[in-house]
Protein backbone atom coordinates (compact mmCIF):
# COMPACT_ATOMS: atom_id res chain seq x y z
CA UNK A 1 151.79 78.88 61.32
CA UNK A 2 155.16 78.28 62.95
CA UNK A 3 157.66 81.06 63.55
CA UNK A 4 160.54 81.26 61.07
CA UNK A 5 164.00 80.52 62.42
CA UNK A 6 166.05 83.51 63.56
CA UNK A 7 168.75 82.75 60.95
CA UNK A 8 167.67 83.84 57.48
CA UNK A 9 169.21 81.71 54.72
CA UNK A 10 170.93 83.43 51.81
CA UNK A 11 168.30 82.07 49.44
CA UNK A 12 165.57 83.98 51.26
CA UNK A 13 167.51 87.23 51.10
CA UNK A 14 167.99 86.64 47.35
CA UNK A 15 164.26 85.98 46.97
CA UNK A 16 163.42 89.18 48.83
CA UNK A 17 165.73 91.10 46.47
CA UNK A 18 164.02 89.51 43.44
CA UNK A 19 160.60 90.47 44.78
CA UNK A 20 161.58 94.07 45.51
CA UNK A 21 163.28 94.28 42.10
CA UNK A 22 160.11 93.20 40.29
CA UNK A 23 161.65 89.98 38.95
CA UNK A 24 158.84 87.84 40.39
CA UNK A 25 155.17 88.30 41.25
CA UNK A 26 152.65 86.51 43.46
CA UNK A 27 155.41 85.44 45.84
CA UNK A 28 154.27 83.38 48.82
CA UNK A 29 156.31 82.01 51.70
CA UNK A 30 154.96 79.75 54.40
CA UNK A 31 156.59 78.24 57.47
CA UNK A 32 155.02 74.92 58.47
CA UNK A 33 154.75 73.57 62.01
CA UNK A 34 157.21 70.80 61.12
CA UNK A 35 159.94 73.39 60.46
CA UNK A 36 159.72 73.28 56.68
CA UNK A 37 159.54 76.35 54.49
CA UNK A 38 157.58 76.53 51.25
CA UNK A 39 158.15 79.32 48.76
CA UNK A 40 156.38 79.92 45.48
CA UNK A 41 156.55 82.76 42.93
CA UNK A 42 155.47 83.47 39.37
CA UNK A 43 157.44 85.07 36.57
CA UNK A 44 156.46 88.69 35.83
CA UNK A 45 154.69 87.63 32.62
CA UNK A 46 152.75 84.84 34.39
CA UNK A 47 154.06 82.00 32.20
CA UNK A 48 156.24 80.23 34.76
CA UNK A 49 156.23 79.35 38.46
CA UNK A 50 158.87 78.12 40.85
CA UNK A 51 158.14 76.27 44.07
CA UNK A 52 160.80 75.44 46.63
CA UNK A 53 160.43 73.46 49.82
CA UNK A 54 163.13 73.12 52.43
CA UNK A 55 163.08 71.03 55.57
CA UNK A 56 165.86 70.56 58.07
CA UNK A 57 165.80 68.40 61.18
CA UNK A 58 168.27 66.37 63.24
CA UNK A 59 171.15 67.05 60.86
CA UNK A 60 169.17 66.08 57.77
CA UNK A 61 168.38 68.65 55.10
CA UNK A 62 165.91 68.04 52.31
CA UNK A 63 165.29 70.46 49.46
CA UNK A 64 162.90 70.25 46.56
CA UNK A 65 162.54 72.65 43.66
CA UNK A 66 159.78 72.44 41.08
CA UNK A 67 159.82 74.57 37.93
CA UNK A 68 156.42 74.88 36.30
CA UNK A 69 155.56 76.34 32.92
CA UNK A 70 151.99 77.41 32.20
CA UNK A 71 150.30 75.01 29.75
CA UNK A 72 150.44 76.37 26.19
CA UNK A 73 146.80 75.54 25.46
CA UNK A 74 143.73 73.74 26.79
CA UNK A 75 144.83 70.38 25.38
CA UNK A 76 148.12 70.53 27.29
CA UNK A 77 146.31 71.71 30.44
CA UNK A 78 143.79 68.83 30.24
CA UNK A 79 146.62 66.31 29.88
CA UNK A 80 148.37 67.77 32.92
CA UNK A 81 145.13 67.77 34.94
CA UNK A 82 144.51 64.14 33.99
CA UNK A 83 147.99 63.00 35.02
CA UNK A 84 147.99 64.93 38.29
CA UNK A 85 144.51 63.70 39.20
CA UNK A 86 145.58 60.09 38.52
CA UNK A 87 148.48 60.72 40.92
CA UNK A 88 145.93 61.60 43.61
CA UNK A 89 146.49 65.37 43.68
CA UNK A 90 143.69 67.59 44.98
CA UNK A 91 142.05 70.24 42.82
CA UNK A 92 143.94 72.93 44.77
CA UNK A 93 147.27 71.19 44.15
CA UNK A 94 146.43 70.77 40.46
CA UNK A 95 145.54 74.45 40.16
CA UNK A 96 149.03 75.27 41.45
CA UNK A 97 150.66 73.01 38.85
CA UNK A 98 148.50 74.29 35.99
CA UNK A 99 148.64 77.96 37.02
CA UNK A 100 144.84 78.17 36.80
CA UNK A 101 141.99 78.53 39.26
CA UNK A 102 140.51 75.64 41.22
CA UNK A 103 137.23 76.27 39.36
CA UNK A 104 138.99 75.74 36.00
CA UNK A 105 140.46 72.49 37.32
CA UNK A 106 137.02 71.38 38.50
CA UNK A 107 135.60 72.07 35.02
CA UNK A 108 138.51 70.24 33.39
CA UNK A 109 137.99 67.17 35.59
CA UNK A 110 134.28 67.14 34.75
CA UNK A 111 135.10 67.40 31.03
CA UNK A 112 137.67 64.59 31.22
CA UNK A 113 135.12 62.36 33.00
CA UNK A 114 132.44 63.16 30.39
CA UNK A 115 134.89 62.18 27.63
CA UNK A 116 135.67 58.93 29.44
CA UNK A 117 139.32 59.93 29.88
CA UNK A 118 139.30 60.00 33.67
CA UNK A 119 137.80 57.52 36.12
CA UNK A 120 136.83 58.42 39.67
C-alpha cells in the first residue's frame, strides 16, 4: 500500500468527522500505488453505501462517486448480480455492489445459471 500524501483533503477530514460522529459504519480507505484513494462507507442502518475514488496525476484530477442502495429483496439482488456479472465484474466486486457476502453472490450466480438466466 502506498503512503498517503502529506496534504489531507477537506473531504477526508469531513469523512473522519462523520466516522467519529457515528454517521457512517464500516468505513474503509485505501491508498493505491498509482496515487489513487478509494473510500467506502455504509449508512448506520446498513441500507446504503457510498464509494469514492480520487486520482490525481500530472495536473489531471479524476473523481468518481458511486451511491449504492441495498437491494430490497432477493429478486432485485439477483437482477443486480446478473447485470454486474454480464459486465465482467468479479464476485468480490459484485458483493460490494449488492452489500452481501461473496458466498451469497456465488450462490446467486449458481442459481441464475441453473435457471438459464446467466451464461458463463
